[in-house]
Amino acid sequence: MDRLQNTTRDIARELARNYSTMTHDELDILESILVPRKYAKGEMILKEGQICEDIFYIEKGLIRQFYYKNDKELTEHIGSDGEIFMCIESLFKEEPTHLQVEALEPSIIYSLPKLRLEQVALHNVNIQILYRKILEESLIISQVHADLVRFETAQNRYQRLCKMKPQVVLRAPLVYIASYLQMTPETLSRVRATTLLG
């Protein structure tokens, strides 16, 4: 590790900074429900058929969400340091997920159990705001990705990803970036070559 490990308190502060202002008492409550976890590279965070019960915050690392369609692995999301992820349908319907989540690097991830978060949000307006803003952000990220692959050319998709998620472009294997952008690895190689020349 290149720095001292963050404490759960630091993560609570980071989440409050990103999503809502909080009193000391509310920070205490948020800190009390955060669960730190470590994952090795290649380790599964969530498997198909499990129920997603948490919202996850990546303190350090890289993850991908993917699913299988016609025996083909398709990447739906790639997240890095400081980002939130969840399997939103499974989380709210409390049904088994079709998605899987894998750590692409050794990762430190904090989970916020949905049940506990909802319980404390009932009595703490700023935690309620944090919860709502996290969900809003998740929906916007999904919409941006859907629009990206629906409306943009391969070249524009890659360029927008470079702007939106530079860390992902630098750190994720090309095969997963290609899948996330819904193009073949060959197309991505061509696009990257053109971008570098341009």
N, C-alpha and C. Protein backbone atom coordinates (compact mmCIF):
# COMPACT_ATOMS: atom_id res chain seq x y z
N MET A 1 0.84 -1.19 0.00
CA MET A 1 0.00 0.00 0.00
C MET A 1 0.89 1.25 0.00
N ASP A 2 0.56 2.24 -0.82
CA ASP A 2 1.41 3.42 -0.91
C ASP A 2 1.01 4.49 0.11
N ARG A 3 0.02 4.24 0.93
CA ARG A 3 -0.37 5.20 1.96
C ARG A 3 -1.02 4.45 3.10
N LEU A 4 -1.23 5.18 4.19
CA LEU A 4 -1.91 4.55 5.32
C LEU A 4 -3.32 4.18 4.93
N GLN A 5 -3.77 3.06 5.41
CA GLN A 5 -5.12 2.58 5.10
C GLN A 5 -6.17 3.57 5.64
N ASN A 6 -7.14 3.89 4.80
CA ASN A 6 -8.25 4.73 5.26
C ASN A 6 -9.02 4.02 6.35
N THR A 7 -9.58 4.78 7.24
CA THR A 7 -10.45 4.19 8.26
C THR A 7 -11.89 4.25 7.77
N THR A 8 -12.74 3.51 8.45
CA THR A 8 -14.16 3.54 8.09
C THR A 8 -14.70 4.96 8.25
N ARG A 9 -14.15 5.69 9.23
CA ARG A 9 -14.56 7.09 9.44
C ARG A 9 -14.24 7.94 8.21
N ASP A 10 -13.03 7.74 7.65
CA ASP A 10 -12.64 8.49 6.44
C ASP A 10 -13.61 8.22 5.29
N ILE A 11 -14.02 6.97 5.17
CA ILE A 11 -14.94 6.59 4.08
C ILE A 11 -16.31 7.23 4.31
N ALA A 12 -16.77 7.22 5.57
CA ALA A 12 -18.04 7.87 5.89
C ALA A 12 -17.98 9.35 5.52
N ARG A 13 -16.85 9.99 5.83
CA ARG A 13 -16.67 11.42 5.50
C ARG A 13 -16.67 11.63 3.98
N GLU A 14 -15.98 10.73 3.27
CA GLU A 14 -15.91 10.83 1.81
C GLU A 14 -17.31 10.72 1.19
N LEU A 15 -18.09 9.76 1.67
CA LEU A 15 -19.46 9.59 1.16
C LEU A 15 -20.31 10.82 1.48
N ALA A 16 -20.15 11.35 2.70
CA ALA A 16 -20.90 12.55 3.09
C ALA A 16 -20.51 13.73 2.19
N ARG A 17 -19.21 13.84 1.92
CA ARG A 17 -18.72 14.93 1.06
C ARG A 17 -19.31 14.82 -0.35
N ASN A 18 -19.38 13.60 -0.85
CA ASN A 18 -19.86 13.39 -2.22
C ASN A 18 -21.38 13.53 -2.36
N TYR A 19 -22.11 13.16 -1.31
CA TYR A 19 -23.56 13.03 -1.50
C TYR A 19 -24.44 13.85 -0.57
N SER A 20 -23.91 14.30 0.57
CA SER A 20 -24.79 14.98 1.53
C SER A 20 -23.96 15.59 2.65
N THR A 21 -24.45 16.66 3.27
CA THR A 21 -23.75 17.16 4.46
C THR A 21 -24.26 16.37 5.66
N MET A 22 -23.43 16.21 6.66
CA MET A 22 -23.85 15.41 7.81
C MET A 22 -23.36 15.97 9.13
N THR A 23 -24.15 15.75 10.16
CA THR A 23 -23.74 16.10 11.53
C THR A 23 -22.78 15.01 12.02
N HIS A 24 -22.11 15.26 13.14
CA HIS A 24 -21.21 14.24 13.72
C HIS A 24 -21.99 12.97 14.06
N ASP A 25 -23.19 13.14 14.59
CA ASP A 25 -24.02 11.98 14.94
C ASP A 25 -24.35 11.14 13.71
N GLU A 26 -24.69 11.83 12.62
CA GLU A 26 -25.02 11.11 11.39
C GLU A 26 -23.81 10.40 10.81
N LEU A 27 -22.64 11.05 10.91
CA LEU A 27 -21.39 10.40 10.47
C LEU A 27 -21.13 9.14 11.30
N ASP A 28 -21.39 9.23 12.61
CA ASP A 28 -21.24 8.05 13.49
C ASP A 28 -22.12 6.91 13.01
N ILE A 29 -23.37 7.25 12.68
CA ILE A 29 -24.33 6.23 12.24
C ILE A 29 -23.89 5.62 10.91
N LEU A 30 -23.50 6.49 9.97
CA LEU A 30 -23.05 6.00 8.65
C LEU A 30 -21.83 5.10 8.82
N GLU A 31 -20.89 5.53 9.64
CA GLU A 31 -19.67 4.74 9.90
C GLU A 31 -20.04 3.38 10.49
N SER A 32 -21.04 3.34 11.36
CA SER A 32 -21.40 2.09 12.05
C SER A 32 -21.99 1.04 11.10
N ILE A 33 -22.52 1.48 9.95
CA ILE A 33 -23.12 0.47 9.05
C ILE A 33 -22.21 0.09 7.87
N LEU A 34 -21.09 0.80 7.72
CA LEU A 34 -20.15 0.48 6.64
C LEU A 34 -19.37 -0.80 6.96
N VAL A 35 -19.27 -1.68 5.98
CA VAL A 35 -18.54 -2.95 6.18
C VAL A 35 -17.36 -3.02 5.19
N PRO A 36 -16.11 -2.93 5.70
CA PRO A 36 -14.96 -3.01 4.79
C PRO A 36 -14.67 -4.45 4.36
N ARG A 37 -14.34 -4.62 3.08
CA ARG A 37 -14.00 -5.96 2.57
C ARG A 37 -12.82 -5.84 1.62
N LYS A 38 -12.01 -6.90 1.60
CA LYS A 38 -10.87 -6.93 0.67
C LYS A 38 -11.09 -8.06 -0.32
N TYR A 39 -10.79 -7.80 -1.57
CA TYR A 39 -10.92 -8.82 -2.61
C TYR A 39 -9.61 -8.94 -3.39
N ALA A 40 -9.24 -10.17 -3.68
CA ALA A 40 -8.04 -10.41 -4.50
C ALA A 40 -8.41 -10.24 -5.97
N LYS A 41 -7.41 -10.02 -6.79
CA LYS A 41 -7.64 -9.94 -8.24
C LYS A 41 -8.30 -11.23 -8.72
N GLY A 42 -9.39 -11.11 -9.47
CA GLY A 42 -10.09 -12.27 -10.01
C GLY A 42 -11.15 -12.84 -9.08
N GLU A 43 -11.22 -12.31 -7.85
CA GLU A 43 -12.21 -12.82 -6.89
C GLU A 43 -13.60 -12.28 -7.22
N MET A 44 -14.60 -13.13 -7.03
CA MET A 44 -15.98 -12.73 -7.31
C MET A 44 -16.56 -11.98 -6.10
N ILE A 45 -17.14 -10.83 -6.36
CA ILE A 45 -17.79 -10.03 -5.32
C ILE A 45 -19.26 -10.42 -5.23
N LEU A 46 -19.81 -10.73 -6.38
CA LEU A 46 -21.22 -11.17 -6.45
C LEU A 46 -21.34 -12.17 -7.60
N LYS A 47 -22.02 -13.27 -7.36
CA LYS A 47 -22.18 -14.30 -8.40
C LYS A 47 -23.62 -14.31 -8.90
N GLU A 48 -23.78 -14.78 -10.11
CA GLU A 48 -25.13 -14.94 -10.68
C GLU A 48 -25.95 -15.84 -9.75
N GLY A 49 -27.20 -15.45 -9.51
CA GLY A 49 -28.06 -16.26 -8.65
C GLY A 49 -28.09 -15.79 -7.20
N GLN A 50 -27.09 -14.95 -6.82
CA GLN A 50 -27.12 -14.37 -5.47
C GLN A 50 -28.05 -13.16 -5.46
N ILE A 51 -28.51 -12.79 -4.28
CA ILE A 51 -29.30 -11.56 -4.16
C ILE A 51 -28.37 -10.46 -3.71
N CYS A 52 -28.41 -9.34 -4.43
CA CYS A 52 -27.58 -8.19 -4.06
C CYS A 52 -28.26 -7.48 -2.88
N GLU A 53 -27.58 -7.43 -1.76
CA GLU A 53 -28.17 -6.83 -0.55
C GLU A 53 -27.46 -5.55 -0.14
N ASP A 54 -26.46 -5.14 -0.92
CA ASP A 54 -25.63 -3.99 -0.53
C ASP A 54 -25.44 -3.01 -1.68
N ILE A 55 -25.15 -1.78 -1.28
CA ILE A 55 -24.58 -0.78 -2.19
C ILE A 55 -23.09 -0.80 -1.89
N PHE A 56 -22.25 -0.81 -2.92
CA PHE A 56 -20.81 -0.95 -2.74
C PHE A 56 -20.08 0.35 -3.12
N TYR A 57 -19.07 0.69 -2.32
CA TYR A 57 -18.23 1.85 -2.61
C TYR A 57 -16.79 1.36 -2.77
N ILE A 58 -16.18 1.68 -3.91
CA ILE A 58 -14.80 1.23 -4.17
C ILE A 58 -13.84 2.25 -3.58
N GLU A 59 -13.16 1.87 -2.51
CA GLU A 59 -12.16 2.78 -1.97
C GLU A 59 -10.93 2.75 -2.87
N LYS A 60 -10.52 1.53 -3.22
CA LYS A 60 -9.34 1.37 -4.08
C LYS A 60 -9.50 0.08 -4.85
N GLY A 61 -9.34 0.16 -6.16
CA GLY A 61 -9.45 -1.07 -6.96
C GLY A 61 -10.21 -0.85 -8.25
N LEU A 62 -10.54 -1.97 -8.87
CA LEU A 62 -11.20 -1.95 -10.17
C LEU A 62 -12.14 -3.15 -10.23
N ILE A 63 -13.38 -2.91 -10.62
CA ILE A 63 -14.34 -4.02 -10.71
C ILE A 63 -15.04 -3.99 -12.07
N ARG A 64 -15.60 -5.14 -12.43
CA ARG A 64 -16.48 -5.14 -13.61
C ARG A 64 -17.74 -5.94 -13.29
N GLN A 65 -18.86 -5.43 -13.81
CA GLN A 65 -20.13 -6.15 -13.74
C GLN A 65 -20.36 -6.74 -15.13
N PHE A 66 -20.73 -8.02 -15.17
CA PHE A 66 -20.93 -8.66 -16.47
C PHE A 66 -22.02 -9.71 -16.38
N TYR A 67 -22.46 -10.16 -17.54
CA TYR A 67 -23.46 -11.23 -17.60
C TYR A 67 -23.20 -12.07 -18.85
N TYR A 68 -23.87 -13.21 -18.91
CA TYR A 68 -23.72 -14.10 -20.07
C TYR A 68 -24.96 -14.02 -20.95
N LYS A 69 -24.73 -13.92 -22.26
CA LYS A 69 -25.83 -13.95 -23.22
C LYS A 69 -25.37 -14.82 -24.39
N ASN A 70 -26.14 -15.85 -24.68
CA ASN A 70 -25.75 -16.82 -25.73
C ASN A 70 -24.31 -17.28 -25.55
N ASP A 71 -23.98 -17.69 -24.33
CA ASP A 71 -22.63 -18.17 -23.99
C ASP A 71 -21.52 -17.13 -24.17
N LYS A 72 -21.92 -15.88 -24.31
CA LYS A 72 -20.93 -14.82 -24.49
C LYS A 72 -20.94 -13.93 -23.25
N GLU A 73 -19.74 -13.54 -22.81
CA GLU A 73 -19.61 -12.69 -21.63
C GLU A 73 -19.71 -11.23 -22.05
N LEU A 74 -20.65 -10.51 -21.47
CA LEU A 74 -20.83 -9.10 -21.83
C LEU A 74 -20.62 -8.22 -20.60
N THR A 75 -19.76 -7.22 -20.73
CA THR A 75 -19.45 -6.31 -19.63
C THR A 75 -20.44 -5.16 -19.62
N GLU A 76 -21.08 -4.96 -18.48
CA GLU A 76 -22.10 -3.91 -18.38
C GLU A 76 -21.57 -2.66 -17.68
N HIS A 77 -20.60 -2.84 -16.79
CA HIS A 77 -20.10 -1.70 -16.03
C HIS A 77 -18.67 -1.99 -15.57
N ILE A 78 -17.82 -0.96 -15.59
CA ILE A 78 -16.48 -1.06 -15.02
C ILE A 78 -16.34 0.11 -14.06
N GLY A 79 -15.98 -0.17 -12.82
CA GLY A 79 -15.86 0.88 -11.81
C GLY A 79 -14.48 0.91 -11.20
N SER A 80 -14.04 2.13 -10.81
CA SER A 80 -12.72 2.26 -10.17
C SER A 80 -12.83 3.12 -8.91
N ASP A 81 -11.68 3.47 -8.34
CA ASP A 81 -11.60 4.19 -7.06
C ASP A 81 -12.64 5.31 -6.94
N GLY A 82 -13.31 5.34 -5.79
CA GLY A 82 -14.24 6.43 -5.50
C GLY A 82 -15.61 6.28 -6.13
N GLU A 83 -15.87 5.12 -6.76
CA GLU A 83 -17.17 4.93 -7.41
C GLU A 83 -18.05 3.97 -6.63
N ILE A 84 -19.34 4.12 -6.89
CA ILE A 84 -20.38 3.28 -6.28
C ILE A 84 -20.85 2.26 -7.31
N PHE A 85 -21.18 1.05 -6.89
CA PHE A 85 -21.85 0.12 -7.81
C PHE A 85 -22.83 -0.74 -7.02
N MET A 86 -23.78 -1.31 -7.75
CA MET A 86 -24.77 -2.22 -7.16
C MET A 86 -25.47 -2.93 -8.31
N CYS A 87 -26.18 -4.01 -8.00
CA CYS A 87 -27.07 -4.64 -8.99
C CYS A 87 -28.47 -4.16 -8.62
N ILE A 88 -28.89 -3.08 -9.23
CA ILE A 88 -30.03 -2.31 -8.74
C ILE A 88 -31.35 -3.10 -8.76
N GLU A 89 -31.55 -3.90 -9.80
CA GLU A 89 -32.81 -4.66 -9.89
C GLU A 89 -32.90 -5.70 -8.77
N SER A 90 -31.80 -6.43 -8.58
CA SER A 90 -31.75 -7.45 -7.53
C SER A 90 -31.88 -6.80 -6.15
N LEU A 91 -31.25 -5.64 -5.99
CA LEU A 91 -31.26 -4.92 -4.71
C LEU A 91 -32.70 -4.56 -4.29
N PHE A 92 -33.49 -4.06 -5.25
CA PHE A 92 -34.82 -3.58 -4.90
C PHE A 92 -35.92 -4.63 -5.00
N LYS A 93 -35.74 -5.57 -5.91
CA LYS A 93 -36.75 -6.64 -6.01
C LYS A 93 -36.46 -7.78 -5.05
N GLU A 94 -35.23 -7.76 -4.50
CA GLU A 94 -34.77 -8.85 -3.61
C GLU A 94 -34.88 -10.20 -4.30
N GLU A 95 -34.44 -10.19 -5.56
CA GLU A 95 -34.46 -11.41 -6.38
C GLU A 95 -33.03 -11.72 -6.82
N PRO A 96 -32.75 -12.99 -7.16
CA PRO A 96 -31.41 -13.34 -7.63
C PRO A 96 -31.00 -12.51 -8.85
N THR A 97 -29.74 -12.13 -8.88
CA THR A 97 -29.24 -11.30 -9.97
C THR A 97 -28.75 -12.15 -11.14
N HIS A 98 -28.82 -11.58 -12.35
CA HIS A 98 -28.24 -12.22 -13.54
C HIS A 98 -26.81 -11.72 -13.73
N LEU A 99 -26.48 -10.65 -13.01
CA LEU A 99 -25.15 -10.05 -13.15
C LEU A 99 -24.14 -10.72 -12.23
N GLN A 100 -22.88 -10.57 -12.60
CA GLN A 100 -21.80 -11.01 -11.72
C GLN A 100 -20.85 -9.84 -11.57
N VAL A 101 -20.17 -9.78 -10.43
CA VAL A 101 -19.20 -8.71 -10.21
C VAL A 101 -17.88 -9.34 -9.83
N GLU A 102 -16.83 -8.92 -10.53
CA GLU A 102 -15.49 -9.48 -10.32
C GLU A 102 -14.50 -8.36 -10.03
N ALA A 103 -13.57 -8.59 -9.12
CA ALA A 103 -12.48 -7.64 -8.88
C ALA A 103 -11.41 -7.85 -9.95
N LEU A 104 -11.10 -6.79 -10.69
CA LEU A 104 -10.07 -6.88 -11.73
C LEU A 104 -8.68 -6.57 -11.18
N GLU A 105 -8.64 -6.00 -9.98
CA GLU A 105 -7.40 -5.72 -9.27
C GLU A 105 -7.64 -6.06 -7.80
N PRO A 106 -6.58 -6.18 -6.99
CA PRO A 106 -6.83 -6.27 -5.55
C PRO A 106 -7.63 -5.03 -5.14
N SER A 107 -8.74 -5.22 -4.47
CA SER A 107 -9.66 -4.10 -4.22
C SER A 107 -10.11 -4.02 -2.76
N ILE A 108 -10.26 -2.79 -2.29
CA ILE A 108 -10.85 -2.55 -0.96
C ILE A 108 -12.20 -1.90 -1.21
N ILE A 109 -13.23 -2.59 -0.77
CA ILE A 109 -14.60 -2.16 -1.05
C ILE A 109 -15.39 -2.10 0.25
N TYR A 110 -16.14 -1.02 0.39
CA TYR A 110 -17.01 -0.87 1.57
C TYR A 110 -18.44 -1.11 1.14
N SER A 111 -19.13 -1.97 1.87
CA SER A 111 -20.53 -2.19 1.53
C SER A 111 -21.44 -1.49 2.52
N LEU A 112 -22.55 -0.99 1.97
CA LEU A 112 -23.61 -0.37 2.76
C LEU A 112 -24.82 -1.29 2.66
N PRO A 113 -25.12 -2.07 3.68
CA PRO A 113 -26.27 -2.97 3.60
C PRO A 113 -27.56 -2.15 3.42
N LYS A 114 -28.32 -2.47 2.39
CA LYS A 114 -29.52 -1.70 2.06
C LYS A 114 -30.51 -1.65 3.23
N LEU A 115 -30.70 -2.78 3.89
CA LEU A 115 -31.66 -2.85 4.99
C LEU A 115 -31.30 -1.87 6.11
N ARG A 116 -30.01 -1.90 6.51
CA ARG A 116 -29.55 -0.99 7.58
C ARG A 116 -29.63 0.46 7.13
N LEU A 117 -29.25 0.70 5.88
CA LEU A 117 -29.27 2.06 5.34
C LEU A 117 -30.69 2.63 5.37
N GLU A 118 -31.66 1.80 4.97
CA GLU A 118 -33.06 2.25 4.97
C GLU A 118 -33.56 2.49 6.40
N GLN A 119 -33.14 1.64 7.32
CA GLN A 119 -33.57 1.82 8.72
C GLN A 119 -33.07 3.15 9.29
N VAL A 120 -31.78 3.45 9.05
CA VAL A 120 -31.23 4.69 9.63
C VAL A 120 -31.70 5.92 8.85
N ALA A 121 -32.00 5.75 7.56
CA ALA A 121 -32.48 6.87 6.74
C ALA A 121 -33.84 7.37 7.23
N LEU A 122 -34.62 6.48 7.84
CA LEU A 122 -35.95 6.86 8.34
C LEU A 122 -35.86 7.97 9.38
N HIS A 123 -34.76 7.98 10.15
CA HIS A 123 -34.64 8.93 11.27
C HIS A 123 -33.59 10.00 11.05
N ASN A 124 -32.90 9.94 9.89
CA ASN A 124 -31.81 10.90 9.63
C ASN A 124 -31.93 11.45 8.23
N VAL A 125 -32.36 12.70 8.15
CA VAL A 125 -32.68 13.28 6.84
C VAL A 125 -31.46 13.34 5.91
N ASN A 126 -30.28 13.61 6.45
CA ASN A 126 -29.09 13.70 5.59
C ASN A 126 -28.66 12.34 5.05
N ILE A 127 -28.89 11.29 5.83
CA ILE A 127 -28.60 9.94 5.34
C ILE A 127 -29.63 9.56 4.26
N GLN A 128 -30.85 10.03 4.45
CA GLN A 128 -31.89 9.84 3.44
C GLN A 128 -31.48 10.50 2.12
N ILE A 129 -30.95 11.73 2.22
CA ILE A 129 -30.49 12.47 1.02
C ILE A 129 -29.34 11.71 0.36
N LEU A 130 -28.39 11.23 1.17
CA LEU A 130 -27.25 10.46 0.65
C LEU A 130 -27.75 9.23 -0.13
N TYR A 131 -28.68 8.51 0.47
CA TYR A 131 -29.25 7.30 -0.15
C TYR A 131 -29.89 7.65 -1.50
N ARG A 132 -30.68 8.72 -1.49
CA ARG A 132 -31.38 9.12 -2.73
C ARG A 132 -30.38 9.54 -3.82
N LYS A 133 -29.37 10.29 -3.42
CA LYS A 133 -28.40 10.79 -4.41
C LYS A 133 -27.56 9.65 -4.99
N ILE A 134 -27.25 8.65 -4.17
CA ILE A 134 -26.52 7.47 -4.65
C ILE A 134 -27.36 6.76 -5.72
N LEU A 135 -28.65 6.59 -5.44
CA LEU A 135 -29.53 5.91 -6.39
C LEU A 135 -29.70 6.73 -7.67
N GLU A 136 -29.84 8.04 -7.52
CA GLU A 136 -29.95 8.92 -8.69
C GLU A 136 -28.71 8.78 -9.57
N GLU A 137 -27.54 8.84 -8.93
CA GLU A 137 -26.28 8.73 -9.67
C GLU A 137 -26.19 7.41 -10.42
N SER A 138 -26.59 6.32 -9.75
CA SER A 138 -26.56 4.99 -10.37
C SER A 138 -27.44 4.93 -11.62
N LEU A 139 -28.62 5.52 -11.52
CA LEU A 139 -29.54 5.52 -12.67
C LEU A 139 -29.00 6.37 -13.81
N ILE A 140 -28.40 7.50 -13.47
CA ILE A 140 -27.82 8.37 -14.51
C ILE A 140 -26.67 7.66 -15.22
N ILE A 141 -25.81 6.98 -14.45
CA ILE A 141 -24.67 6.25 -15.05
C ILE A 141 -25.19 5.20 -16.04
N SER A 142 -26.25 4.47 -15.64
CA SER A 142 -26.85 3.46 -16.54
C SER A 142 -27.39 4.10 -17.82
N GLN A 143 -28.05 5.24 -17.66
CA GLN A 143 -28.64 5.94 -18.81
C GLN A 143 -27.55 6.45 -19.75
N VAL A 144 -26.49 7.02 -19.18
CA VAL A 144 -25.38 7.55 -19.99
C VAL A 144 -24.76 6.42 -20.81
N HIS A 145 -24.56 5.25 -20.17
CA HIS A 145 -23.98 4.11 -20.89
C HIS A 145 -24.93 3.63 -21.99
N ALA A 146 -26.22 3.55 -21.68
CA ALA A 146 -27.21 3.10 -22.69
C ALA A 146 -27.21 4.04 -23.89
N ASP A 147 -27.18 5.35 -23.63
CA ASP A 147 -27.18 6.34 -24.72
C ASP A 147 -25.88 6.27 -25.52
N LEU A 148 -24.79 6.06 -24.81
CA LEU A 148 -23.47 5.98 -25.44
C LEU A 148 -23.45 4.89 -26.51
N VAL A 149 -23.90 3.68 -26.13
CA VAL A 149 -23.83 2.57 -27.08
C VAL A 149 -24.95 2.63 -28.12
N ARG A 150 -26.02 3.36 -27.81
CA ARG A 150 -27.13 3.48 -28.78
C ARG A 150 -26.85 4.52 -29.86
N PHE A 151 -26.30 5.65 -29.44
CA PHE A 151 -26.26 6.80 -30.35
C PHE A 151 -24.88 7.19 -30.87
N GLU A 152 -23.83 6.76 -30.22
CA GLU A 152 -22.49 7.26 -30.58
C GLU A 152 -21.75 6.29 -31.51
N THR A 153 -20.88 6.84 -32.35
CA THR A 153 -20.01 6.00 -33.20
C THR A 153 -18.98 5.33 -32.30
N ALA A 154 -18.32 4.30 -32.82
CA ALA A 154 -17.29 3.59 -32.05
C ALA A 154 -16.21 4.58 -31.58
N GLN A 155 -15.81 5.47 -32.48
CA GLN A 155 -14.77 6.46 -32.15
C GLN A 155 -15.21 7.35 -30.98
N ASN A 156 -16.44 7.88 -31.08
CA ASN A 156 -16.96 8.77 -30.03
C ASN A 156 -17.15 8.04 -28.70
N ARG A 157 -17.58 6.78 -28.77
CA ARG A 157 -17.75 5.98 -27.55
C ARG A 157 -16.45 5.91 -26.77
N TYR A 158 -15.39 5.59 -27.50
CA TYR A 158 -14.08 5.45 -26.85
C TYR A 158 -13.59 6.79 -26.30
N GLN A 159 -13.74 7.85 -27.10
CA GLN A 159 -13.28 9.17 -26.66
C GLN A 159 -14.04 9.65 -25.42
N ARG A 160 -15.34 9.38 -25.39
CA ARG A 160 -16.14 9.78 -24.23
C ARG A 160 -15.75 8.98 -22.99
N LEU A 161 -15.45 7.70 -23.19
CA LEU A 161 -15.00 6.88 -22.06
C LEU A 161 -13.67 7.41 -21.51
N CYS A 162 -12.77 7.82 -22.40
CA CYS A 162 -11.48 8.39 -21.98
C CYS A 162 -11.70 9.63 -21.11
N LYS A 163 -12.70 10.43 -21.46
CA LYS A 163 -13.00 11.65 -20.68
C LYS A 163 -13.69 11.32 -19.36
N MET A 164 -14.67 10.40 -19.43
CA MET A 164 -15.49 10.08 -18.25
C MET A 164 -14.74 9.20 -17.25
N LYS A 165 -13.99 8.23 -17.77
CA LYS A 165 -13.35 7.24 -16.88
C LYS A 165 -11.91 6.99 -17.31
N PRO A 166 -11.04 8.00 -17.17
CA PRO A 166 -9.65 7.81 -17.62
C PRO A 166 -8.94 6.65 -16.91
N GLN A 167 -9.24 6.44 -15.61
CA GLN A 167 -8.60 5.35 -14.86
C GLN A 167 -8.97 3.98 -15.43
N VAL A 168 -10.23 3.84 -15.84
CA VAL A 168 -10.70 2.57 -16.41
C VAL A 168 -9.95 2.29 -17.72
N VAL A 169 -9.79 3.33 -18.55
CA VAL A 169 -9.10 3.17 -19.84
C VAL A 169 -7.64 2.76 -19.61
N LEU A 170 -7.03 3.31 -18.58
CA LEU A 170 -5.63 3.00 -18.29
C LEU A 170 -5.44 1.62 -17.67
N ARG A 171 -6.42 1.18 -16.86
CA ARG A 171 -6.19 0.00 -16.02
C ARG A 171 -6.94 -1.26 -16.43
N ALA A 172 -8.07 -1.13 -17.09
CA ALA A 172 -8.88 -2.32 -17.40
C ALA A 172 -8.35 -3.03 -18.65
N PRO A 173 -8.40 -4.37 -18.67
CA PRO A 173 -8.02 -5.10 -19.89
C PRO A 173 -8.87 -4.67 -21.09
N LEU A 174 -8.22 -4.58 -22.25
CA LEU A 174 -8.90 -4.08 -23.45
C LEU A 174 -10.14 -4.90 -23.82
N VAL A 175 -10.08 -6.21 -23.57
CA VAL A 175 -11.20 -7.07 -23.94
C VAL A 175 -12.48 -6.64 -23.19
N TYR A 176 -12.33 -6.19 -21.94
CA TYR A 176 -13.50 -5.76 -21.16
C TYR A 176 -13.96 -4.36 -21.57
N ILE A 177 -12.99 -3.50 -21.90
CA ILE A 177 -13.37 -2.16 -22.39
C ILE A 177 -14.16 -2.29 -23.69
N ALA A 178 -13.68 -3.16 -24.58
CA ALA A 178 -14.37 -3.38 -25.86
C ALA A 178 -15.80 -3.88 -25.62
N SER A 179 -15.94 -4.84 -24.73
CA SER A 179 -17.25 -5.40 -24.42
C SER A 179 -18.18 -4.32 -23.82
N TYR A 180 -17.63 -3.50 -22.92
CA TYR A 180 -18.39 -2.42 -22.28
C TYR A 180 -18.88 -1.42 -23.33
N LEU A 181 -18.04 -1.16 -24.34
CA LEU A 181 -18.39 -0.20 -25.39
C LEU A 181 -19.15 -0.86 -26.55
N GLN A 182 -19.44 -2.16 -26.38
CA GLN A 182 -20.16 -2.95 -27.39
C GLN A 182 -19.48 -2.88 -28.76
N MET A 183 -18.21 -3.24 -28.74
CA MET A 183 -17.47 -3.38 -30.01
C MET A 183 -16.50 -4.55 -29.86
N THR A 184 -15.98 -5.02 -30.97
CA THR A 184 -15.03 -6.13 -30.90
C THR A 184 -13.67 -5.57 -30.47
N PRO A 185 -12.80 -6.42 -29.90
CA PRO A 185 -11.46 -5.95 -29.55
C PRO A 185 -10.70 -5.39 -30.76
N GLU A 186 -10.97 -5.97 -31.95
CA GLU A 186 -10.30 -5.49 -33.18
C GLU A 186 -10.72 -4.06 -33.48
N THR A 187 -12.04 -3.80 -33.38
CA THR A 187 -12.55 -2.43 -33.63
C THR A 187 -11.94 -1.47 -32.62
N LEU A 188 -11.89 -1.89 -31.36
CA LEU A 188 -11.31 -1.02 -30.32
C LEU A 188 -9.85 -0.72 -30.63
N SER A 189 -9.09 -1.70 -31.06
CA SER A 189 -7.68 -1.48 -31.41
C SER A 189 -7.56 -0.45 -32.53
N ARG A 190 -8.43 -0.57 -33.54
CA ARG A 190 -8.41 0.40 -34.65
C ARG A 190 -8.74 1.81 -34.15
N VAL A 191 -9.80 1.88 -33.33
CA VAL A 191 -10.25 3.17 -32.79
C VAL A 191 -9.14 3.81 -31.95
N ARG A 192 -8.48 3.01 -31.11
CA ARG A 192 -7.41 3.53 -30.27
C ARG A 192 -6.23 4.02 -31.11
N ALA A 193 -5.90 3.28 -32.16
CA ALA A 193 -4.79 3.67 -33.04
C ALA A 193 -5.12 5.02 -33.69
N THR A 194 -6.35 5.18 -34.18
CA THR A 194 -6.79 6.42 -34.82
C THR A 194 -6.77 7.57 -33.82
N THR A 195 -7.23 7.30 -32.60
CA THR A 195 -7.27 8.32 -31.55
C THR A 195 -5.85 8.79 -31.21
N LEU A 196 -4.92 7.83 -31.11
CA LEU A 196 -3.53 8.18 -30.77
C LEU A 196 -2.90 9.00 -31.89
N LEU A 197 -3.21 8.63 -33.15
CA LEU A 197 -2.65 9.35 -34.29
C LEU A 197 -3.26 10.76 -34.37
N GLY A 198 -4.59 10.81 -34.08
CA GLY A 198 -5.31 12.09 -34.16
C GLY A 198 -4.81 13.04 -33.10
